[in-house]
Amino acid sequence: MQVDKDGRDWRVGAAADVGWIAGHTTAGVSITTAIPPVFDAYATTYQTDDVTAAAYEHALVENLSMQTADQSWWLAYLDTGAHDVVFPHAPRVFLYWNWPYVLVEAGPEQALTWRIGGHIRHAHGALPDLFFPADRSWLVSALWDDTWTCIGGPAPLIHTLERDPMANARQVRPGEDALPPGLTRE
């Protein structure tokens, strides 16, 4: 199936496109609750109070883009009933605890511009709730009830994010609690 936006047709994803995630995470408080244990390194990141949502999200996407070969990205928007899913009539794929996501093949530009009206982490944020490149070399996922974002990928990508103060990333090990220092669980 395809959906139209910005004068283009975009491919809608299916369960097979996220099969490598579905059923491969573990319940709990570790990073593998959001990210399957298939990557070399993991990190959590969140927008600090002194950085705008736009600056934080641009830094994150720019770092991901610089570390990724030219290819499409899968963008997934969690359907909470209260947040923009960009394509409200598109079919859903189900991840984690059978949560419905709209999954569309696009790219970094669309990740930063498609969503209007914010998401569960930032009132003014645009990022999808889950996204990854076609080659699955990394995964960014923010769970419904978390105010931070989890990332899995190659170690050089995680180290790049750690060095960028705008990205505010902190490396974590797979069995470690993913909660960033200073934040609390709701």
N, C-alpha and C. Protein backbone atom coordinates (compact mmCIF):
# COMPACT_ATOMS: atom_id res chain seq x y z
N MET A 1 0.83 -1.18 0.00
CA MET A 1 0.00 0.00 0.00
C MET A 1 0.88 1.24 0.00
N GLN A 2 0.35 2.30 -0.58
CA GLN A 2 1.05 3.58 -0.61
C GLN A 2 0.12 4.68 -0.12
N VAL A 3 0.72 5.72 0.45
CA VAL A 3 -0.01 6.90 0.88
C VAL A 3 0.60 8.11 0.22
N ASP A 4 -0.19 9.15 0.05
CA ASP A 4 0.26 10.36 -0.62
C ASP A 4 0.53 11.46 0.41
N LYS A 5 1.66 12.14 0.24
CA LYS A 5 1.99 13.30 1.07
C LYS A 5 3.04 14.10 0.32
N ASP A 6 2.91 15.39 0.36
CA ASP A 6 3.89 16.28 -0.26
C ASP A 6 4.01 16.01 -1.77
N GLY A 7 2.90 15.58 -2.39
CA GLY A 7 2.91 15.33 -3.82
C GLY A 7 3.63 14.06 -4.23
N ARG A 8 3.89 13.16 -3.29
CA ARG A 8 4.59 11.90 -3.57
C ARG A 8 3.83 10.74 -2.95
N ASP A 9 4.07 9.57 -3.49
CA ASP A 9 3.55 8.35 -2.88
C ASP A 9 4.64 7.74 -2.01
N TRP A 10 4.24 7.30 -0.81
CA TRP A 10 5.15 6.71 0.15
C TRP A 10 4.66 5.32 0.49
N ARG A 11 5.58 4.39 0.58
CA ARG A 11 5.21 3.00 0.87
C ARG A 11 4.91 2.82 2.35
N VAL A 12 3.78 2.18 2.64
CA VAL A 12 3.39 1.86 4.01
C VAL A 12 3.99 0.50 4.35
N GLY A 13 4.57 0.41 5.53
CA GLY A 13 5.20 -0.82 5.97
C GLY A 13 4.20 -1.84 6.50
N ALA A 14 4.67 -3.05 6.58
CA ALA A 14 3.87 -4.18 7.06
C ALA A 14 4.62 -4.88 8.19
N ALA A 15 3.97 -5.87 8.77
CA ALA A 15 4.57 -6.61 9.90
C ALA A 15 5.94 -7.18 9.54
N ALA A 16 6.14 -7.61 8.32
CA ALA A 16 7.43 -8.17 7.91
C ALA A 16 8.57 -7.16 8.02
N ASP A 17 8.25 -5.87 7.86
CA ASP A 17 9.28 -4.84 7.91
C ASP A 17 9.78 -4.56 9.33
N VAL A 18 8.98 -4.95 10.32
CA VAL A 18 9.39 -4.78 11.73
C VAL A 18 9.50 -6.12 12.45
N GLY A 19 9.47 -7.21 11.69
CA GLY A 19 9.57 -8.54 12.29
C GLY A 19 10.85 -8.75 13.07
N TRP A 20 11.90 -8.05 12.71
CA TRP A 20 13.18 -8.17 13.43
C TRP A 20 13.12 -7.51 14.80
N ILE A 21 12.08 -6.66 15.04
CA ILE A 21 11.89 -6.01 16.33
C ILE A 21 10.81 -6.75 17.13
N ALA A 22 9.70 -7.03 16.48
CA ALA A 22 8.54 -7.64 17.15
C ALA A 22 8.91 -8.97 17.79
N GLY A 23 8.65 -9.09 19.06
CA GLY A 23 8.94 -10.33 19.77
C GLY A 23 10.39 -10.53 20.14
N HIS A 24 11.25 -9.54 19.85
CA HIS A 24 12.68 -9.68 20.13
C HIS A 24 13.17 -8.70 21.20
N THR A 25 12.23 -8.05 21.89
CA THR A 25 12.58 -7.20 23.02
C THR A 25 12.13 -7.91 24.30
N THR A 26 12.61 -7.43 25.44
CA THR A 26 12.28 -8.08 26.70
C THR A 26 11.60 -7.09 27.64
N ALA A 27 10.59 -7.53 28.34
CA ALA A 27 9.91 -6.67 29.30
C ALA A 27 10.86 -6.33 30.45
N GLY A 28 10.74 -5.13 30.97
CA GLY A 28 11.58 -4.73 32.09
C GLY A 28 11.97 -3.27 32.00
N VAL A 29 13.11 -2.93 32.58
CA VAL A 29 13.57 -1.54 32.61
C VAL A 29 14.88 -1.34 31.84
N SER A 30 15.39 -2.38 31.22
CA SER A 30 16.66 -2.25 30.49
C SER A 30 16.42 -1.71 29.08
N ILE A 31 17.48 -1.38 28.42
CA ILE A 31 17.43 -0.85 27.06
C ILE A 31 16.79 -1.85 26.10
N THR A 32 16.90 -3.15 26.41
CA THR A 32 16.33 -4.16 25.51
C THR A 32 14.81 -4.27 25.64
N THR A 33 14.19 -3.44 26.47
CA THR A 33 12.75 -3.32 26.47
C THR A 33 12.30 -2.61 25.20
N ALA A 34 13.11 -1.68 24.70
CA ALA A 34 12.78 -0.91 23.49
C ALA A 34 13.60 -1.34 22.28
N ILE A 35 14.78 -1.88 22.50
CA ILE A 35 15.72 -2.19 21.41
C ILE A 35 16.11 -3.67 21.50
N PRO A 36 15.94 -4.43 20.41
CA PRO A 36 16.37 -5.84 20.46
C PRO A 36 17.87 -5.95 20.74
N PRO A 37 18.31 -7.01 21.42
CA PRO A 37 19.73 -7.18 21.75
C PRO A 37 20.55 -7.69 20.57
N VAL A 38 20.61 -6.89 19.51
CA VAL A 38 21.33 -7.29 18.29
C VAL A 38 22.42 -6.29 17.90
N PHE A 39 22.60 -5.24 18.68
CA PHE A 39 23.53 -4.18 18.31
C PHE A 39 24.81 -4.24 19.14
N ASP A 40 25.85 -3.57 18.65
CA ASP A 40 27.12 -3.50 19.35
C ASP A 40 27.08 -2.57 20.56
N ALA A 41 26.24 -1.52 20.48
CA ALA A 41 26.20 -0.52 21.55
C ALA A 41 24.79 0.06 21.67
N TYR A 42 24.54 0.66 22.84
CA TYR A 42 23.21 1.20 23.15
C TYR A 42 23.36 2.50 23.91
N ALA A 43 22.34 3.36 23.81
CA ALA A 43 22.35 4.63 24.54
C ALA A 43 20.92 5.09 24.78
N THR A 44 20.79 5.98 25.75
CA THR A 44 19.54 6.71 25.94
C THR A 44 19.84 8.18 25.69
N THR A 45 18.82 8.90 25.28
CA THR A 45 18.95 10.32 24.99
C THR A 45 17.64 11.01 25.30
N TYR A 46 17.72 12.28 25.66
CA TYR A 46 16.51 13.07 25.87
C TYR A 46 16.85 14.54 25.74
N GLN A 47 15.82 15.32 25.48
CA GLN A 47 15.96 16.76 25.34
C GLN A 47 16.10 17.38 26.73
N THR A 48 17.17 18.14 26.94
CA THR A 48 17.33 18.84 28.21
C THR A 48 16.52 20.14 28.18
N ASP A 49 16.31 20.72 29.35
CA ASP A 49 15.50 21.93 29.46
C ASP A 49 16.10 23.13 28.73
N ASP A 50 17.42 23.16 28.56
CA ASP A 50 18.06 24.31 27.94
C ASP A 50 18.23 24.18 26.42
N VAL A 51 17.64 23.15 25.83
CA VAL A 51 17.73 22.92 24.38
C VAL A 51 16.31 22.83 23.82
N THR A 52 16.06 23.48 22.70
CA THR A 52 14.73 23.40 22.09
C THR A 52 14.52 22.01 21.47
N ALA A 53 13.26 21.64 21.31
CA ALA A 53 12.93 20.36 20.68
C ALA A 53 13.53 20.30 19.28
N ALA A 54 13.42 21.39 18.53
CA ALA A 54 13.94 21.40 17.16
C ALA A 54 15.45 21.20 17.14
N ALA A 55 16.19 21.87 18.02
CA ALA A 55 17.65 21.73 18.05
C ALA A 55 18.05 20.32 18.45
N TYR A 56 17.39 19.78 19.45
CA TYR A 56 17.68 18.42 19.89
C TYR A 56 17.41 17.41 18.77
N GLU A 57 16.25 17.50 18.15
CA GLU A 57 15.89 16.55 17.10
C GLU A 57 16.78 16.69 15.87
N HIS A 58 17.13 17.91 15.49
CA HIS A 58 18.05 18.10 14.36
C HIS A 58 19.42 17.50 14.65
N ALA A 59 19.92 17.69 15.87
CA ALA A 59 21.22 17.12 16.24
C ALA A 59 21.17 15.60 16.16
N LEU A 60 20.12 15.00 16.68
CA LEU A 60 19.99 13.56 16.66
C LEU A 60 19.95 13.03 15.23
N VAL A 61 19.10 13.61 14.39
CA VAL A 61 18.96 13.15 13.01
C VAL A 61 20.22 13.43 12.20
N GLU A 62 20.86 14.56 12.44
CA GLU A 62 22.11 14.86 11.72
C GLU A 62 23.19 13.83 12.05
N ASN A 63 23.34 13.51 13.33
CA ASN A 63 24.33 12.49 13.72
C ASN A 63 24.01 11.13 13.12
N LEU A 64 22.75 10.75 13.14
CA LEU A 64 22.35 9.47 12.54
C LEU A 64 22.62 9.47 11.04
N SER A 65 22.28 10.56 10.37
CA SER A 65 22.48 10.67 8.92
C SER A 65 23.95 10.58 8.54
N MET A 66 24.80 11.25 9.31
CA MET A 66 26.23 11.25 9.00
C MET A 66 26.85 9.87 9.16
N GLN A 67 26.25 9.02 9.99
CA GLN A 67 26.78 7.68 10.26
C GLN A 67 26.07 6.60 9.44
N THR A 68 25.22 7.02 8.48
CA THR A 68 24.40 6.06 7.74
C THR A 68 24.60 6.23 6.24
N ALA A 69 24.77 5.13 5.54
CA ALA A 69 24.85 5.18 4.08
C ALA A 69 23.54 5.75 3.53
N ASP A 70 23.60 6.32 2.33
CA ASP A 70 22.42 6.90 1.70
C ASP A 70 21.39 5.80 1.42
N GLN A 71 20.24 5.88 2.10
CA GLN A 71 19.19 4.88 1.97
C GLN A 71 17.91 5.42 2.59
N SER A 72 16.83 4.72 2.38
CA SER A 72 15.57 5.13 2.98
C SER A 72 15.56 4.78 4.47
N TRP A 73 14.67 5.43 5.20
CA TRP A 73 14.46 5.17 6.61
C TRP A 73 13.01 4.73 6.78
N TRP A 74 12.77 3.86 7.74
CA TRP A 74 11.42 3.51 8.14
C TRP A 74 11.05 4.40 9.32
N LEU A 75 9.92 5.10 9.22
CA LEU A 75 9.42 5.99 10.26
C LEU A 75 8.14 5.40 10.82
N ALA A 76 8.06 5.27 12.12
CA ALA A 76 6.88 4.68 12.76
C ALA A 76 6.31 5.63 13.80
N TYR A 77 5.01 5.85 13.70
CA TYR A 77 4.30 6.77 14.58
C TYR A 77 3.32 5.98 15.43
N LEU A 78 3.49 6.04 16.75
CA LEU A 78 2.64 5.30 17.67
C LEU A 78 1.25 5.95 17.73
N ASP A 79 0.24 5.14 17.55
CA ASP A 79 -1.14 5.62 17.59
C ASP A 79 -1.65 5.55 19.02
N THR A 80 -1.50 6.67 19.76
CA THR A 80 -1.98 6.75 21.14
C THR A 80 -3.42 7.27 21.19
N GLY A 81 -3.91 7.77 20.07
CA GLY A 81 -5.21 8.41 20.03
C GLY A 81 -5.13 9.89 20.34
N ALA A 82 -3.97 10.34 20.84
CA ALA A 82 -3.81 11.75 21.22
C ALA A 82 -2.69 12.45 20.44
N HIS A 83 -1.92 11.71 19.66
CA HIS A 83 -0.77 12.30 18.97
C HIS A 83 -0.85 12.03 17.47
N ASP A 84 -0.26 12.92 16.71
CA ASP A 84 -0.28 12.84 15.26
C ASP A 84 0.45 11.59 14.76
N VAL A 85 -0.22 10.79 13.92
CA VAL A 85 0.41 9.63 13.30
C VAL A 85 0.70 9.87 11.82
N VAL A 86 0.54 11.10 11.36
CA VAL A 86 0.84 11.58 10.01
C VAL A 86 -0.13 11.02 8.97
N PHE A 87 -0.35 9.73 8.96
CA PHE A 87 -1.26 9.09 8.01
C PHE A 87 -2.34 8.35 8.80
N PRO A 88 -3.37 9.06 9.26
CA PRO A 88 -4.35 8.45 10.17
C PRO A 88 -5.13 7.28 9.59
N HIS A 89 -5.22 7.17 8.27
CA HIS A 89 -6.00 6.09 7.67
C HIS A 89 -5.15 4.92 7.18
N ALA A 90 -3.84 5.00 7.41
CA ALA A 90 -2.94 3.92 6.98
C ALA A 90 -3.09 2.72 7.91
N PRO A 91 -2.84 1.52 7.40
CA PRO A 91 -2.87 0.33 8.27
C PRO A 91 -1.78 0.42 9.34
N ARG A 92 -1.96 -0.32 10.41
CA ARG A 92 -1.02 -0.33 11.53
C ARG A 92 -0.21 -1.62 11.56
N VAL A 93 1.00 -1.51 12.10
CA VAL A 93 1.79 -2.67 12.49
C VAL A 93 1.81 -2.66 14.01
N PHE A 94 2.04 -3.81 14.62
CA PHE A 94 1.96 -3.91 16.07
C PHE A 94 3.30 -4.33 16.65
N LEU A 95 3.75 -3.57 17.66
CA LEU A 95 5.03 -3.82 18.32
C LEU A 95 4.86 -3.77 19.83
N TYR A 96 5.87 -4.25 20.51
CA TYR A 96 5.94 -4.23 21.97
C TYR A 96 4.71 -4.92 22.56
N TRP A 97 3.85 -4.23 23.25
CA TRP A 97 2.69 -4.83 23.89
C TRP A 97 1.45 -4.65 23.02
N ASN A 98 1.62 -5.01 21.74
CA ASN A 98 0.55 -4.90 20.75
C ASN A 98 0.13 -3.45 20.51
N TRP A 99 1.09 -2.53 20.61
CA TRP A 99 0.83 -1.12 20.36
C TRP A 99 0.77 -0.90 18.85
N PRO A 100 -0.19 -0.10 18.36
CA PRO A 100 -0.34 0.15 16.92
C PRO A 100 0.55 1.31 16.44
N TYR A 101 1.29 1.07 15.38
CA TYR A 101 2.14 2.08 14.76
C TYR A 101 1.79 2.21 13.29
N VAL A 102 1.87 3.43 12.77
CA VAL A 102 1.84 3.67 11.34
C VAL A 102 3.29 3.66 10.89
N LEU A 103 3.64 2.81 9.95
CA LEU A 103 5.01 2.63 9.49
C LEU A 103 5.10 3.04 8.02
N VAL A 104 5.99 4.00 7.71
CA VAL A 104 6.12 4.50 6.34
C VAL A 104 7.60 4.60 5.98
N GLU A 105 7.92 4.21 4.74
CA GLU A 105 9.29 4.31 4.24
C GLU A 105 9.51 5.71 3.68
N ALA A 106 10.47 6.44 4.26
CA ALA A 106 10.74 7.81 3.85
C ALA A 106 12.22 8.12 4.06
N GLY A 107 12.53 9.15 4.84
CA GLY A 107 13.92 9.50 5.07
C GLY A 107 14.09 10.49 6.20
N PRO A 108 15.32 10.96 6.42
CA PRO A 108 15.60 11.86 7.54
C PRO A 108 14.84 13.18 7.46
N GLU A 109 14.69 13.73 6.27
CA GLU A 109 13.96 15.00 6.12
C GLU A 109 12.52 14.85 6.61
N GLN A 110 11.87 13.76 6.22
CA GLN A 110 10.49 13.53 6.63
C GLN A 110 10.40 13.26 8.14
N ALA A 111 11.44 12.62 8.70
CA ALA A 111 11.46 12.37 10.14
C ALA A 111 11.38 13.68 10.93
N LEU A 112 11.97 14.73 10.36
CA LEU A 112 12.00 16.03 11.05
C LEU A 112 10.82 16.93 10.71
N THR A 113 10.04 16.60 9.69
CA THR A 113 9.04 17.57 9.24
C THR A 113 7.61 17.06 9.18
N TRP A 114 7.38 15.78 9.13
CA TRP A 114 6.03 15.29 8.90
C TRP A 114 5.09 15.48 10.07
N ARG A 115 5.51 15.20 11.26
CA ARG A 115 4.60 15.25 12.40
C ARG A 115 4.35 16.70 12.81
N ILE A 116 3.10 17.00 13.05
CA ILE A 116 2.69 18.34 13.49
C ILE A 116 2.01 18.19 14.85
N GLY A 117 2.33 19.06 15.75
CA GLY A 117 1.62 19.07 17.02
C GLY A 117 2.27 18.25 18.12
N GLY A 118 3.48 17.80 17.92
CA GLY A 118 4.20 17.14 18.99
C GLY A 118 3.88 15.66 19.15
N HIS A 119 4.58 15.07 20.11
CA HIS A 119 4.42 13.65 20.40
C HIS A 119 4.53 13.46 21.90
N ILE A 120 4.61 12.24 22.33
CA ILE A 120 4.54 11.94 23.75
C ILE A 120 5.72 12.47 24.57
N ARG A 121 6.85 12.75 23.93
CA ARG A 121 8.01 13.24 24.66
C ARG A 121 8.13 14.76 24.66
N HIS A 122 7.72 15.42 23.58
CA HIS A 122 7.88 16.87 23.47
C HIS A 122 6.61 17.46 22.87
N ALA A 123 6.10 18.51 23.49
CA ALA A 123 4.89 19.16 22.96
C ALA A 123 5.13 19.74 21.57
N HIS A 124 6.37 20.06 21.26
CA HIS A 124 6.66 20.67 19.96
C HIS A 124 7.54 19.78 19.08
N GLY A 125 7.72 18.53 19.46
CA GLY A 125 8.59 17.63 18.72
C GLY A 125 7.96 17.08 17.46
N ALA A 126 8.80 16.67 16.54
CA ALA A 126 8.34 16.13 15.26
C ALA A 126 8.76 14.69 15.03
N LEU A 127 9.76 14.21 15.74
CA LEU A 127 10.33 12.90 15.44
C LEU A 127 9.31 11.76 15.54
N PRO A 128 9.48 10.75 14.70
CA PRO A 128 8.67 9.54 14.85
C PRO A 128 8.99 8.88 16.20
N ASP A 129 8.12 8.00 16.64
CA ASP A 129 8.33 7.31 17.90
C ASP A 129 9.32 6.17 17.76
N LEU A 130 9.51 5.70 16.54
CA LEU A 130 10.45 4.63 16.25
C LEU A 130 10.93 4.84 14.82
N PHE A 131 12.23 4.70 14.57
CA PHE A 131 12.73 4.80 13.20
C PHE A 131 14.07 4.10 13.06
N PHE A 132 14.33 3.65 11.82
CA PHE A 132 15.56 2.92 11.53
C PHE A 132 15.80 2.95 10.02
N PRO A 133 17.08 2.81 9.59
CA PRO A 133 17.37 2.79 8.16
C PRO A 133 17.02 1.42 7.56
N ALA A 134 16.90 1.40 6.26
CA ALA A 134 16.54 0.16 5.56
C ALA A 134 17.50 -0.98 5.88
N ASP A 135 18.78 -0.69 6.10
CA ASP A 135 19.74 -1.76 6.38
C ASP A 135 19.73 -2.21 7.85
N ARG A 136 18.87 -1.60 8.66
CA ARG A 136 18.69 -1.95 10.08
C ARG A 136 19.98 -1.81 10.90
N SER A 137 20.86 -0.90 10.49
CA SER A 137 22.14 -0.74 11.18
C SER A 137 21.98 -0.04 12.54
N TRP A 138 20.87 0.61 12.77
CA TRP A 138 20.57 1.21 14.06
C TRP A 138 19.05 1.29 14.23
N LEU A 139 18.62 1.52 15.45
CA LEU A 139 17.20 1.66 15.77
C LEU A 139 17.04 2.71 16.85
N VAL A 140 16.10 3.62 16.63
CA VAL A 140 15.73 4.62 17.62
C VAL A 140 14.29 4.32 18.03
N SER A 141 14.04 4.21 19.32
CA SER A 141 12.69 3.88 19.80
C SER A 141 12.42 4.56 21.12
N ALA A 142 11.26 5.20 21.20
CA ALA A 142 10.79 5.79 22.45
C ALA A 142 9.49 5.10 22.81
N LEU A 143 9.47 4.46 23.94
CA LEU A 143 8.27 3.74 24.34
C LEU A 143 7.20 4.72 24.85
N TRP A 144 5.97 4.30 24.77
CA TRP A 144 4.81 5.12 25.07
C TRP A 144 4.94 5.88 26.39
N ASP A 145 5.37 5.21 27.42
CA ASP A 145 5.39 5.82 28.75
C ASP A 145 6.75 6.36 29.18
N ASP A 146 7.72 6.44 28.27
CA ASP A 146 9.04 6.96 28.61
C ASP A 146 9.20 8.39 28.10
N THR A 147 9.94 9.21 28.83
CA THR A 147 10.23 10.58 28.40
C THR A 147 11.60 10.67 27.74
N TRP A 148 12.25 9.55 27.55
CA TRP A 148 13.56 9.49 26.90
C TRP A 148 13.45 8.58 25.68
N THR A 149 14.52 8.54 24.93
CA THR A 149 14.58 7.74 23.71
C THR A 149 15.74 6.75 23.82
N CYS A 150 15.52 5.54 23.33
CA CYS A 150 16.55 4.50 23.33
C CYS A 150 17.11 4.32 21.94
N ILE A 151 18.41 4.02 21.86
CA ILE A 151 19.09 3.85 20.57
C ILE A 151 19.99 2.63 20.66
N GLY A 152 19.97 1.83 19.60
CA GLY A 152 20.92 0.73 19.46
C GLY A 152 21.59 0.88 18.11
N GLY A 153 22.89 0.56 18.04
CA GLY A 153 23.60 0.69 16.76
C GLY A 153 25.06 0.36 16.92
N PRO A 154 25.84 0.69 15.89
CA PRO A 154 27.28 0.46 15.98
C PRO A 154 27.93 1.39 17.02
N ALA A 155 28.98 0.92 17.64
CA ALA A 155 29.67 1.69 18.68
C ALA A 155 30.09 3.08 18.20
N PRO A 156 30.63 3.25 16.97
CA PRO A 156 31.01 4.61 16.54
C PRO A 156 29.82 5.59 16.52
N LEU A 157 28.64 5.11 16.16
CA LEU A 157 27.45 5.97 16.17
C LEU A 157 27.12 6.38 17.60
N ILE A 158 27.11 5.44 18.52
CA ILE A 158 26.80 5.75 19.92
C ILE A 158 27.83 6.73 20.48
N HIS A 159 29.11 6.54 20.17
CA HIS A 159 30.16 7.46 20.66
C HIS A 159 29.98 8.85 20.07
N THR A 160 29.58 8.95 18.80
CA THR A 160 29.31 10.24 18.17
C THR A 160 28.18 10.96 18.90
N LEU A 161 27.11 10.24 19.21
CA LEU A 161 25.99 10.85 19.93
C LEU A 161 26.41 11.29 21.33
N GLU A 162 27.25 10.51 21.99
CA GLU A 162 27.72 10.87 23.34
C GLU A 162 28.53 12.17 23.33
N ARG A 163 29.27 12.41 22.26
CA ARG A 163 30.11 13.60 22.17
C ARG A 163 29.33 14.86 21.82
N ASP A 164 28.09 14.73 21.34
CA ASP A 164 27.30 15.89 20.93
C ASP A 164 26.43 16.33 22.11
N PRO A 165 26.72 17.51 22.70
CA PRO A 165 25.94 17.94 23.85
C PRO A 165 24.45 18.16 23.54
N MET A 166 24.13 18.48 22.30
CA MET A 166 22.72 18.67 21.91
C MET A 166 21.97 17.34 21.92
N ALA A 167 22.66 16.25 21.57
CA ALA A 167 22.02 14.93 21.54
C ALA A 167 21.83 14.37 22.95
N ASN A 168 22.68 14.79 23.87
CA ASN A 168 22.54 14.40 25.28
C ASN A 168 22.39 12.88 25.45
N ALA A 169 23.28 12.14 24.84
CA ALA A 169 23.22 10.67 24.90
C ALA A 169 24.15 10.12 25.97
N ARG A 170 23.73 8.98 26.52
CA ARG A 170 24.51 8.29 27.54
C ARG A 170 24.50 6.81 27.19
N GLN A 171 25.67 6.23 27.05
CA GLN A 171 25.76 4.81 26.72
C GLN A 171 25.28 3.96 27.89
N VAL A 172 24.55 2.88 27.56
CA VAL A 172 24.10 1.92 28.57
C VAL A 172 24.37 0.51 28.06
N ARG A 173 24.52 -0.41 28.98
CA ARG A 173 24.72 -1.81 28.62
C ARG A 173 23.36 -2.51 28.55
N PRO A 174 23.23 -3.60 27.81
CA PRO A 174 21.94 -4.27 27.65
C PRO A 174 21.21 -4.62 28.94
N GLY A 175 21.88 -5.04 30.01
CA GLY A 175 21.19 -5.40 31.23
C GLY A 175 20.96 -4.24 32.19
N GLU A 176 21.48 -3.08 31.85
CA GLU A 176 21.42 -1.91 32.73
C GLU A 176 20.07 -1.19 32.62
N ASP A 177 19.64 -0.57 33.70
CA ASP A 177 18.42 0.24 33.69
C ASP A 177 18.62 1.37 32.69
N ALA A 178 17.66 1.56 31.79
CA ALA A 178 17.77 2.57 30.74
C ALA A 178 17.42 3.97 31.22
N LEU A 179 16.87 4.12 32.41
CA LEU A 179 16.44 5.43 32.92
C LEU A 179 17.64 6.38 33.02
N PRO A 180 17.62 7.50 32.26
CA PRO A 180 18.72 8.45 32.36
C PRO A 180 18.76 9.13 33.73
N PRO A 181 19.95 9.45 34.22
CA PRO A 181 20.08 10.13 35.50
C PRO A 181 19.28 11.44 35.49
N GLY A 182 18.59 11.71 36.61
CA GLY A 182 17.82 12.94 36.72
C GLY A 182 16.38 12.83 36.26
N LEU A 183 16.03 11.77 35.53
CA LEU A 183 14.65 11.57 35.10
C LEU A 183 13.97 10.54 36.00
N THR A 184 12.66 10.56 36.01
CA THR A 184 11.89 9.59 36.79
C THR A 184 10.89 8.89 35.90
N ARG A 185 10.50 7.71 36.32
CA ARG A 185 9.46 6.97 35.59
C ARG A 185 8.11 7.52 36.02
N GLU A 186 7.20 7.58 35.08
CA GLU A 186 5.84 8.06 35.37
C GLU A 186 5.04 6.99 36.05
